[in-house]
Structures are given as C-alpha cells and as structure tokens.
Amino acid sequence: MNDSVGDGGFEKAFDALFPRAARLAHRILGEQAAAEDVAAEALARTYARWRKVGSLSYLDAWVLRVTANLAIDASRRRVPEQRADAPLNMEEAAVLRHALGHALRSLPPRQREAVALRYLSDLTEAEVADAMGLSAGTVHTHVRRGLVALRVRLGYDLEGTEDAVDLA
C-alpha cells in the first residue's frame, strides 16, 4: 500500500476494508448500525496512523484486528435487547449469538483474538500470525485450544473435527 494519504492510498484501502470490517463487527455484535460504527472507528484509527500502517504487508489483518478488538469491547458494554414479539428462530439465533459471545469472552485474550481473526474475519493462520505478531505455530495452537474451549463451553461433541464448529 502507498503510505501517502493525499494520493488516494487510504481511500482505496478504506473502500476495500470497510465492508470486511463491518461484516466482522456485525458477526461479533449482531447489529448492523453498531457494526458500522465499529468499522468506522477502526478505519478512523487506521487513518490516524496511516503513515505508519499504510505500507504494512498485513494491513488488512491489522485493520481487522483493530475491528475485532473494538467490537469485543463494544459487546462487553452492551445490554442485550429483549423482544417478546421476535419469531422463535430469531430468539434461537439471539441465544446462540449471546452464548457464542459469552463463550468467546471467556477465552484468554490471545485465543479469543486468534479465533476471531481466523474464523470471523476469514484470515489464514499466516495472516493471523502477521496481525498478532506471533509465529504460525503459536497461532495454530491458540486457535485449536480456543476451539476446544468453545466446544466444551457450548456443548459440542469433542470427537468431531476441528471444522465441526462453524463460527461464521
């Protein structure tokens, strides 16, 4: 990426990254408006540090890491909304989303971040490793341990494969 703000480098990055950041935040928060606010904040932080991060080879992962952190922080501050008129499938989805959010928050920070970046942002383990500043093997261990802990917490069968839990 070009490190100049004035030549459209940031604007191109924004156009490419905002939709991905908003999708990631929506997966964590479950609300579109809040997700767009989080994505906008993540991109605002990117703009503020553009001279430093604009030329990073892992800029996408950096932005998505900031987005995940902001969304997790926002989810901690939110009070879940209760609606009596919601259809049953929406209630089940909300319960599942709440349980998953609670289970993710119960993970140690590095496991939570690795799982969120890997499965909620659809990054490869190598991209997660770059974003977190860790080796690919360490990321693999954090992701594997995080998934096992989520399966235990959410009651999934531990005999299944690692792909048995679809976090997306």
N, C-alpha and C. Protein backbone atom coordinates (compact mmCIF):
# COMPACT_ATOMS: atom_id res chain seq x y z
N MET A 1 0.85 -1.19 0.00
CA MET A 1 0.00 0.00 0.00
C MET A 1 0.89 1.25 0.00
N ASN A 2 0.44 2.28 -0.60
CA ASN A 2 1.16 3.54 -0.63
C ASN A 2 0.96 4.25 0.68
N ASP A 3 2.00 4.86 1.22
CA ASP A 3 1.86 5.48 2.54
C ASP A 3 1.43 6.94 2.48
N SER A 4 1.09 7.43 1.34
CA SER A 4 0.64 8.80 1.23
C SER A 4 -0.88 8.88 1.36
N VAL A 5 -1.33 9.78 2.21
CA VAL A 5 -2.77 9.95 2.42
C VAL A 5 -3.39 10.69 1.25
N GLY A 6 -2.68 11.64 0.71
CA GLY A 6 -3.24 12.51 -0.31
C GLY A 6 -3.41 11.89 -1.68
N ASP A 7 -2.73 10.81 -2.00
CA ASP A 7 -2.81 10.26 -3.35
C ASP A 7 -3.87 9.18 -3.52
N GLY A 8 -4.77 9.06 -2.58
CA GLY A 8 -5.83 8.08 -2.70
C GLY A 8 -5.50 6.73 -2.09
N GLY A 9 -4.32 6.56 -1.51
CA GLY A 9 -3.95 5.28 -0.90
C GLY A 9 -4.90 4.88 0.22
N PHE A 10 -5.17 5.82 1.11
CA PHE A 10 -6.10 5.50 2.19
C PHE A 10 -7.50 5.28 1.66
N GLU A 11 -7.91 6.10 0.71
CA GLU A 11 -9.27 5.97 0.17
C GLU A 11 -9.47 4.60 -0.47
N LYS A 12 -8.46 4.11 -1.19
CA LYS A 12 -8.55 2.77 -1.79
C LYS A 12 -8.62 1.71 -0.70
N ALA A 13 -7.78 1.86 0.32
CA ALA A 13 -7.80 0.90 1.43
C ALA A 13 -9.14 0.94 2.14
N PHE A 14 -9.67 2.14 2.36
CA PHE A 14 -10.96 2.27 3.02
C PHE A 14 -12.04 1.55 2.23
N ASP A 15 -12.09 1.80 0.93
CA ASP A 15 -13.11 1.17 0.08
C ASP A 15 -13.02 -0.35 0.14
N ALA A 16 -11.81 -0.88 0.21
CA ALA A 16 -11.63 -2.33 0.25
C ALA A 16 -11.89 -2.92 1.64
N LEU A 17 -11.52 -2.18 2.69
CA LEU A 17 -11.54 -2.74 4.04
C LEU A 17 -12.80 -2.46 4.83
N PHE A 18 -13.49 -1.37 4.55
CA PHE A 18 -14.67 -1.04 5.36
C PHE A 18 -15.73 -2.15 5.30
N PRO A 19 -16.08 -2.68 4.12
CA PRO A 19 -17.09 -3.75 4.11
C PRO A 19 -16.66 -4.98 4.91
N ARG A 20 -15.39 -5.35 4.82
CA ARG A 20 -14.90 -6.51 5.58
C ARG A 20 -14.93 -6.23 7.07
N ALA A 21 -14.53 -5.03 7.46
CA ALA A 21 -14.54 -4.66 8.88
C ALA A 21 -15.97 -4.63 9.41
N ALA A 22 -16.89 -4.12 8.62
CA ALA A 22 -18.29 -4.06 9.05
C ALA A 22 -18.88 -5.46 9.19
N ARG A 23 -18.53 -6.37 8.27
CA ARG A 23 -19.02 -7.76 8.37
C ARG A 23 -18.49 -8.43 9.63
N LEU A 24 -17.21 -8.24 9.90
CA LEU A 24 -16.60 -8.83 11.10
C LEU A 24 -17.29 -8.28 12.36
N ALA A 25 -17.43 -6.98 12.43
CA ALA A 25 -18.07 -6.37 13.60
C ALA A 25 -19.52 -6.84 13.74
N HIS A 26 -20.21 -7.00 12.61
CA HIS A 26 -21.59 -7.48 12.65
C HIS A 26 -21.67 -8.90 13.19
N ARG A 27 -20.71 -9.73 12.82
CA ARG A 27 -20.68 -11.11 13.33
C ARG A 27 -20.48 -11.13 14.84
N ILE A 28 -19.72 -10.20 15.36
CA ILE A 28 -19.47 -10.16 16.79
C ILE A 28 -20.62 -9.50 17.53
N LEU A 29 -21.13 -8.39 16.98
CA LEU A 29 -22.14 -7.60 17.68
C LEU A 29 -23.58 -7.98 17.34
N GLY A 30 -23.81 -8.44 16.13
CA GLY A 30 -25.15 -8.83 15.73
C GLY A 30 -26.08 -7.67 15.40
N GLU A 31 -25.55 -6.50 15.26
CA GLU A 31 -26.36 -5.32 14.95
C GLU A 31 -25.64 -4.48 13.91
N GLN A 32 -26.31 -4.19 12.82
CA GLN A 32 -25.66 -3.53 11.70
C GLN A 32 -25.17 -2.12 12.02
N ALA A 33 -26.00 -1.32 12.68
CA ALA A 33 -25.60 0.06 12.97
C ALA A 33 -24.37 0.09 13.88
N ALA A 34 -24.38 -0.72 14.92
CA ALA A 34 -23.23 -0.78 15.83
C ALA A 34 -22.00 -1.30 15.09
N ALA A 35 -22.20 -2.26 14.19
CA ALA A 35 -21.08 -2.81 13.43
C ALA A 35 -20.45 -1.75 12.53
N GLU A 36 -21.29 -0.96 11.89
CA GLU A 36 -20.76 0.10 11.03
C GLU A 36 -20.03 1.16 11.84
N ASP A 37 -20.52 1.46 13.04
CA ASP A 37 -19.82 2.40 13.92
C ASP A 37 -18.44 1.87 14.29
N VAL A 38 -18.38 0.58 14.63
CA VAL A 38 -17.10 -0.03 15.00
C VAL A 38 -16.15 -0.04 13.79
N ALA A 39 -16.66 -0.40 12.63
CA ALA A 39 -15.82 -0.41 11.42
C ALA A 39 -15.30 0.99 11.11
N ALA A 40 -16.18 1.99 11.26
CA ALA A 40 -15.75 3.37 11.01
C ALA A 40 -14.67 3.80 12.00
N GLU A 41 -14.82 3.40 13.25
CA GLU A 41 -13.80 3.73 14.26
C GLU A 41 -12.48 3.05 13.93
N ALA A 42 -12.54 1.79 13.51
CA ALA A 42 -11.31 1.07 13.15
C ALA A 42 -10.61 1.75 11.98
N LEU A 43 -11.37 2.18 10.97
CA LEU A 43 -10.78 2.86 9.83
C LEU A 43 -10.31 4.27 10.20
N ALA A 44 -10.97 4.92 11.14
CA ALA A 44 -10.51 6.23 11.61
C ALA A 44 -9.16 6.07 12.30
N ARG A 45 -9.01 5.00 13.08
CA ARG A 45 -7.72 4.74 13.73
C ARG A 45 -6.65 4.40 12.70
N THR A 46 -7.06 3.73 11.64
CA THR A 46 -6.13 3.43 10.55
C THR A 46 -5.67 4.73 9.89
N TYR A 47 -6.61 5.62 9.63
CA TYR A 47 -6.28 6.91 9.01
C TYR A 47 -5.32 7.70 9.90
N ALA A 48 -5.59 7.70 11.21
CA ALA A 48 -4.73 8.45 12.14
C ALA A 48 -3.30 7.92 12.15
N ARG A 49 -3.12 6.65 11.82
CA ARG A 49 -1.79 6.03 11.84
C ARG A 49 -1.33 5.65 10.42
N TRP A 50 -1.94 6.26 9.42
CA TRP A 50 -1.71 5.84 8.04
C TRP A 50 -0.24 5.86 7.64
N ARG A 51 0.48 6.87 8.05
CA ARG A 51 1.90 6.94 7.65
C ARG A 51 2.68 5.74 8.19
N LYS A 52 2.25 5.20 9.31
CA LYS A 52 2.93 4.06 9.92
C LYS A 52 2.40 2.73 9.38
N VAL A 53 1.08 2.61 9.20
CA VAL A 53 0.50 1.31 8.85
C VAL A 53 0.16 1.17 7.37
N GLY A 54 0.14 2.26 6.63
CA GLY A 54 -0.28 2.22 5.24
C GLY A 54 0.57 1.33 4.36
N SER A 55 1.81 1.13 4.71
CA SER A 55 2.69 0.31 3.88
C SER A 55 2.88 -1.10 4.44
N LEU A 56 2.15 -1.46 5.49
CA LEU A 56 2.29 -2.80 6.06
C LEU A 56 1.80 -3.85 5.07
N SER A 57 2.51 -4.93 4.96
CA SER A 57 2.08 -6.01 4.07
C SER A 57 0.83 -6.70 4.61
N TYR A 58 0.59 -6.56 5.89
CA TYR A 58 -0.57 -7.19 6.53
C TYR A 58 -1.59 -6.14 7.00
N LEU A 59 -1.75 -5.09 6.20
CA LEU A 59 -2.68 -4.00 6.55
C LEU A 59 -4.09 -4.53 6.79
N ASP A 60 -4.55 -5.44 5.92
CA ASP A 60 -5.90 -6.00 6.09
C ASP A 60 -6.04 -6.63 7.47
N ALA A 61 -5.08 -7.46 7.82
CA ALA A 61 -5.13 -8.14 9.12
C ALA A 61 -5.07 -7.14 10.26
N TRP A 62 -4.26 -6.09 10.11
CA TRP A 62 -4.14 -5.07 11.16
C TRP A 62 -5.49 -4.38 11.38
N VAL A 63 -6.13 -3.98 10.31
CA VAL A 63 -7.43 -3.30 10.41
C VAL A 63 -8.47 -4.24 11.02
N LEU A 64 -8.48 -5.50 10.61
CA LEU A 64 -9.46 -6.44 11.14
C LEU A 64 -9.18 -6.78 12.59
N ARG A 65 -7.92 -6.76 12.98
CA ARG A 65 -7.59 -6.97 14.40
C ARG A 65 -8.13 -5.81 15.24
N VAL A 66 -7.92 -4.59 14.78
CA VAL A 66 -8.45 -3.41 15.48
C VAL A 66 -9.97 -3.50 15.54
N THR A 67 -10.58 -3.88 14.43
CA THR A 67 -12.04 -4.02 14.38
C THR A 67 -12.52 -5.05 15.39
N ALA A 68 -11.89 -6.21 15.42
CA ALA A 68 -12.29 -7.27 16.36
C ALA A 68 -12.16 -6.79 17.79
N ASN A 69 -11.07 -6.13 18.11
CA ASN A 69 -10.87 -5.62 19.47
C ASN A 69 -11.95 -4.60 19.84
N LEU A 70 -12.25 -3.69 18.93
CA LEU A 70 -13.28 -2.69 19.20
C LEU A 70 -14.66 -3.33 19.34
N ALA A 71 -14.96 -4.31 18.51
CA ALA A 71 -16.26 -4.99 18.59
C ALA A 71 -16.40 -5.78 19.88
N ILE A 72 -15.33 -6.45 20.29
CA ILE A 72 -15.36 -7.20 21.55
C ILE A 72 -15.57 -6.23 22.71
N ASP A 73 -14.86 -5.11 22.69
CA ASP A 73 -15.06 -4.10 23.73
C ASP A 73 -16.49 -3.58 23.73
N ALA A 74 -17.03 -3.32 22.55
CA ALA A 74 -18.40 -2.82 22.45
C ALA A 74 -19.40 -3.86 22.95
N SER A 75 -19.15 -5.13 22.66
CA SER A 75 -20.08 -6.18 23.11
C SER A 75 -20.09 -6.30 24.63
N ARG A 76 -18.99 -5.99 25.26
CA ARG A 76 -18.94 -6.02 26.73
C ARG A 76 -19.80 -4.92 27.34
N ARG A 77 -19.90 -3.80 26.64
CA ARG A 77 -20.65 -2.65 27.16
C ARG A 77 -22.13 -2.72 26.86
N ARG A 78 -22.53 -3.58 25.94
CA ARG A 78 -23.92 -3.62 25.50
C ARG A 78 -24.80 -4.43 26.45
N VAL A 79 -26.04 -3.98 26.55
CA VAL A 79 -27.06 -4.71 27.28
C VAL A 79 -27.91 -5.40 26.22
N PRO A 80 -28.05 -6.74 26.30
CA PRO A 80 -28.83 -7.43 25.27
C PRO A 80 -30.29 -6.95 25.26
N GLU A 81 -30.79 -6.76 24.05
CA GLU A 81 -32.16 -6.29 23.88
C GLU A 81 -33.11 -7.49 23.89
N GLN A 82 -34.18 -7.40 24.67
CA GLN A 82 -35.19 -8.45 24.74
C GLN A 82 -36.43 -8.02 23.98
N ARG A 83 -36.87 -8.82 23.03
CA ARG A 83 -38.08 -8.52 22.27
C ARG A 83 -39.02 -9.70 22.37
N ALA A 84 -40.22 -9.46 22.90
CA ALA A 84 -41.20 -10.53 23.06
C ALA A 84 -41.85 -10.90 21.73
N ASP A 85 -41.87 -9.99 20.77
CA ASP A 85 -42.55 -10.25 19.51
C ASP A 85 -41.66 -10.89 18.44
N ALA A 86 -40.41 -11.18 18.76
CA ALA A 86 -39.50 -11.76 17.78
C ALA A 86 -39.88 -13.22 17.50
N PRO A 87 -39.77 -13.66 16.25
CA PRO A 87 -40.07 -15.06 15.92
C PRO A 87 -39.11 -16.00 16.64
N LEU A 88 -39.52 -17.24 16.79
CA LEU A 88 -38.73 -18.22 17.51
C LEU A 88 -37.33 -18.38 16.93
N ASN A 89 -37.23 -18.44 15.59
CA ASN A 89 -35.90 -18.62 15.01
C ASN A 89 -34.98 -17.44 15.31
N MET A 90 -35.53 -16.25 15.44
CA MET A 90 -34.72 -15.09 15.82
C MET A 90 -34.27 -15.22 17.28
N GLU A 91 -35.16 -15.73 18.12
CA GLU A 91 -34.80 -15.93 19.52
C GLU A 91 -33.68 -16.96 19.64
N GLU A 92 -33.81 -18.04 18.90
CA GLU A 92 -32.77 -19.06 18.93
C GLU A 92 -31.45 -18.49 18.43
N ALA A 93 -31.51 -17.69 17.38
CA ALA A 93 -30.30 -17.07 16.84
C ALA A 93 -29.69 -16.12 17.87
N ALA A 94 -30.55 -15.37 18.55
CA ALA A 94 -30.05 -14.44 19.57
C ALA A 94 -29.42 -15.18 20.74
N VAL A 95 -30.05 -16.27 21.15
CA VAL A 95 -29.50 -17.07 22.25
C VAL A 95 -28.15 -17.65 21.84
N LEU A 96 -28.09 -18.17 20.62
CA LEU A 96 -26.83 -18.72 20.14
C LEU A 96 -25.75 -17.64 20.04
N ARG A 97 -26.12 -16.48 19.52
CA ARG A 97 -25.17 -15.37 19.40
C ARG A 97 -24.68 -14.93 20.78
N HIS A 98 -25.61 -14.85 21.72
CA HIS A 98 -25.24 -14.45 23.09
C HIS A 98 -24.31 -15.50 23.71
N ALA A 99 -24.67 -16.77 23.54
CA ALA A 99 -23.84 -17.84 24.09
C ALA A 99 -22.45 -17.83 23.47
N LEU A 100 -22.40 -17.63 22.16
CA LEU A 100 -21.10 -17.59 21.50
C LEU A 100 -20.29 -16.39 21.95
N GLY A 101 -20.95 -15.23 22.05
CA GLY A 101 -20.24 -14.05 22.54
C GLY A 101 -19.71 -14.24 23.94
N HIS A 102 -20.54 -14.83 24.80
CA HIS A 102 -20.11 -15.09 26.19
C HIS A 102 -18.95 -16.10 26.20
N ALA A 103 -19.07 -17.14 25.38
CA ALA A 103 -18.01 -18.14 25.31
C ALA A 103 -16.71 -17.53 24.77
N LEU A 104 -16.82 -16.68 23.76
CA LEU A 104 -15.62 -16.01 23.24
C LEU A 104 -14.97 -15.13 24.30
N ARG A 105 -15.81 -14.40 25.06
CA ARG A 105 -15.26 -13.53 26.11
C ARG A 105 -14.60 -14.32 27.22
N SER A 106 -14.98 -15.59 27.39
CA SER A 106 -14.39 -16.41 28.45
C SER A 106 -13.01 -16.94 28.07
N LEU A 107 -12.66 -16.87 26.77
CA LEU A 107 -11.36 -17.34 26.33
C LEU A 107 -10.26 -16.37 26.78
N PRO A 108 -9.06 -16.88 26.97
CA PRO A 108 -7.93 -15.97 27.21
C PRO A 108 -7.80 -15.02 26.01
N PRO A 109 -7.31 -13.81 26.22
CA PRO A 109 -7.28 -12.79 25.17
C PRO A 109 -6.62 -13.25 23.86
N ARG A 110 -5.51 -13.93 23.92
CA ARG A 110 -4.83 -14.34 22.68
C ARG A 110 -5.64 -15.40 21.92
N GLN A 111 -6.25 -16.34 22.65
CA GLN A 111 -7.09 -17.34 22.00
C GLN A 111 -8.30 -16.67 21.36
N ARG A 112 -8.93 -15.75 22.10
CA ARG A 112 -10.11 -15.05 21.59
C ARG A 112 -9.76 -14.28 20.32
N GLU A 113 -8.65 -13.58 20.35
CA GLU A 113 -8.24 -12.80 19.19
C GLU A 113 -7.90 -13.69 18.00
N ALA A 114 -7.19 -14.79 18.26
CA ALA A 114 -6.82 -15.71 17.18
C ALA A 114 -8.06 -16.34 16.55
N VAL A 115 -9.01 -16.78 17.38
CA VAL A 115 -10.23 -17.40 16.86
C VAL A 115 -11.05 -16.37 16.09
N ALA A 116 -11.19 -15.17 16.63
CA ALA A 116 -11.98 -14.13 15.95
C ALA A 116 -11.37 -13.77 14.61
N LEU A 117 -10.07 -13.58 14.56
CA LEU A 117 -9.42 -13.23 13.30
C LEU A 117 -9.49 -14.39 12.30
N ARG A 118 -9.29 -15.60 12.80
CA ARG A 118 -9.26 -16.77 11.90
C ARG A 118 -10.64 -17.09 11.33
N TYR A 119 -11.67 -17.13 12.19
CA TYR A 119 -12.97 -17.60 11.74
C TYR A 119 -13.98 -16.49 11.49
N LEU A 120 -13.90 -15.40 12.18
CA LEU A 120 -14.86 -14.32 11.96
C LEU A 120 -14.39 -13.37 10.87
N SER A 121 -13.07 -13.31 10.66
CA SER A 121 -12.52 -12.45 9.61
C SER A 121 -12.07 -13.24 8.39
N ASP A 122 -12.14 -14.55 8.49
CA ASP A 122 -11.74 -15.42 7.39
C ASP A 122 -10.28 -15.21 6.97
N LEU A 123 -9.42 -14.94 7.95
CA LEU A 123 -7.99 -14.81 7.64
C LEU A 123 -7.34 -16.18 7.72
N THR A 124 -6.27 -16.36 6.99
CA THR A 124 -5.49 -17.59 7.11
C THR A 124 -4.69 -17.53 8.41
N GLU A 125 -4.18 -18.67 8.82
CA GLU A 125 -3.36 -18.67 10.04
C GLU A 125 -2.12 -17.80 9.85
N ALA A 126 -1.57 -17.78 8.65
CA ALA A 126 -0.39 -16.94 8.38
C ALA A 126 -0.75 -15.46 8.53
N GLU A 127 -1.92 -15.06 8.03
CA GLU A 127 -2.35 -13.66 8.16
C GLU A 127 -2.62 -13.31 9.63
N VAL A 128 -3.21 -14.25 10.36
CA VAL A 128 -3.45 -14.02 11.79
C VAL A 128 -2.11 -13.88 12.51
N ALA A 129 -1.15 -14.72 12.14
CA ALA A 129 0.18 -14.66 12.76
C ALA A 129 0.82 -13.30 12.51
N ASP A 130 0.72 -12.79 11.28
CA ASP A 130 1.26 -11.46 10.98
C ASP A 130 0.57 -10.39 11.81
N ALA A 131 -0.75 -10.47 11.89
CA ALA A 131 -1.52 -9.45 12.60
C ALA A 131 -1.21 -9.46 14.10
N MET A 132 -1.02 -10.64 14.64
CA MET A 132 -0.79 -10.75 16.09
C MET A 132 0.69 -10.69 16.45
N GLY A 133 1.54 -10.74 15.46
CA GLY A 133 2.98 -10.71 15.74
C GLY A 133 3.48 -12.01 16.37
N LEU A 134 2.87 -13.13 15.99
CA LEU A 134 3.23 -14.44 16.53
C LEU A 134 3.63 -15.36 15.39
N SER A 135 4.20 -16.51 15.75
CA SER A 135 4.51 -17.50 14.72
C SER A 135 3.23 -18.22 14.32
N ALA A 136 3.24 -18.81 13.13
CA ALA A 136 2.07 -19.54 12.65
C ALA A 136 1.75 -20.71 13.56
N GLY A 137 2.76 -21.37 14.09
CA GLY A 137 2.55 -22.49 15.01
C GLY A 137 1.86 -22.05 16.30
N THR A 138 2.26 -20.91 16.82
CA THR A 138 1.63 -20.39 18.03
C THR A 138 0.18 -20.03 17.76
N VAL A 139 -0.08 -19.42 16.62
CA VAL A 139 -1.46 -19.09 16.24
C VAL A 139 -2.28 -20.37 16.12
N HIS A 140 -1.72 -21.38 15.47
CA HIS A 140 -2.43 -22.65 15.31
C HIS A 140 -2.80 -23.22 16.69
N THR A 141 -1.87 -23.16 17.63
CA THR A 141 -2.13 -23.66 18.98
C THR A 141 -3.22 -22.84 19.66
N HIS A 142 -3.16 -21.52 19.55
CA HIS A 142 -4.20 -20.67 20.16
C HIS A 142 -5.57 -20.95 19.56
N VAL A 143 -5.63 -21.10 18.24
CA VAL A 143 -6.90 -21.37 17.57
C VAL A 143 -7.44 -22.73 18.00
N ARG A 144 -6.57 -23.75 17.99
CA ARG A 144 -7.01 -25.11 18.36
C ARG A 144 -7.52 -25.14 19.80
N ARG A 145 -6.77 -24.55 20.71
CA ARG A 145 -7.19 -24.53 22.12
C ARG A 145 -8.46 -23.71 22.30
N GLY A 146 -8.56 -22.61 21.57
CA GLY A 146 -9.76 -21.79 21.65
C GLY A 146 -10.99 -22.54 21.17
N LEU A 147 -10.86 -23.27 20.06
CA LEU A 147 -11.99 -24.05 19.54
C LEU A 147 -12.41 -25.16 20.50
N VAL A 148 -11.42 -25.82 21.09
CA VAL A 148 -11.74 -26.87 22.07
C VAL A 148 -12.50 -26.26 23.25
N ALA A 149 -12.02 -25.13 23.74
CA ALA A 149 -12.69 -24.47 24.87
C ALA A 149 -14.10 -24.03 24.49
N LEU A 150 -14.28 -23.53 23.26
CA LEU A 150 -15.62 -23.14 22.82
C LEU A 150 -16.55 -24.35 22.72
N ARG A 151 -16.01 -25.46 22.20
CA ARG A 151 -16.84 -26.67 22.11
C ARG A 151 -17.27 -27.13 23.49
N VAL A 152 -16.36 -27.12 24.43
CA VAL A 152 -16.69 -27.53 25.80
C VAL A 152 -17.74 -26.59 26.38
N ARG A 153 -17.51 -25.30 26.22
CA ARG A 153 -18.42 -24.30 26.77
C ARG A 153 -19.80 -24.35 26.13
N LEU A 154 -19.84 -24.59 24.81
CA LEU A 154 -21.10 -24.59 24.09
C LEU A 154 -21.74 -25.97 23.98
N GLY A 155 -21.03 -27.01 24.46
CA GLY A 155 -21.60 -28.34 24.48
C GLY A 155 -21.49 -29.11 23.19
N TYR A 156 -20.55 -28.77 22.32
CA TYR A 156 -20.37 -29.51 21.08
C TYR A 156 -19.58 -30.78 21.35
N ASP A 157 -19.82 -31.76 20.52
CA ASP A 157 -19.12 -33.04 20.64
C ASP A 157 -17.64 -32.84 20.32
N LEU A 158 -16.80 -33.24 21.25
CA LEU A 158 -15.35 -33.07 21.06
C LEU A 158 -14.75 -34.12 20.13
N GLU A 159 -15.52 -35.12 19.75
CA GLU A 159 -14.99 -36.15 18.86
C GLU A 159 -14.96 -35.69 17.42
N GLY A 160 -15.68 -34.60 17.09
CA GLY A 160 -15.75 -34.10 15.71
C GLY A 160 -14.44 -33.50 15.27
N THR A 161 -14.39 -33.10 14.04
CA THR A 161 -13.19 -32.48 13.51
C THR A 161 -13.13 -31.02 13.94
N GLU A 162 -12.00 -30.40 13.70
CA GLU A 162 -11.84 -29.01 14.09
C GLU A 162 -12.79 -28.10 13.31
N ASP A 163 -13.23 -28.53 12.16
CA ASP A 163 -14.15 -27.74 11.35
C ASP A 163 -15.60 -27.95 11.77
N ALA A 164 -15.85 -28.76 12.80
CA ALA A 164 -17.22 -29.06 13.20
C ALA A 164 -17.94 -27.83 13.74
N VAL A 165 -17.22 -26.89 14.32
CA VAL A 165 -17.84 -25.68 14.83
C VAL A 165 -17.72 -24.61 13.76
N ASP A 166 -18.83 -24.17 13.22
CA ASP A 166 -18.84 -23.11 12.22
C ASP A 166 -19.13 -21.82 12.94
N LEU A 167 -18.10 -21.00 13.15
CA LEU A 167 -18.26 -19.77 13.90
C LEU A 167 -18.78 -18.64 13.05
N ALA A 168 -18.83 -18.82 11.74
CA ALA A 168 -19.25 -17.73 10.87
C ALA A 168 -20.74 -17.56 10.86
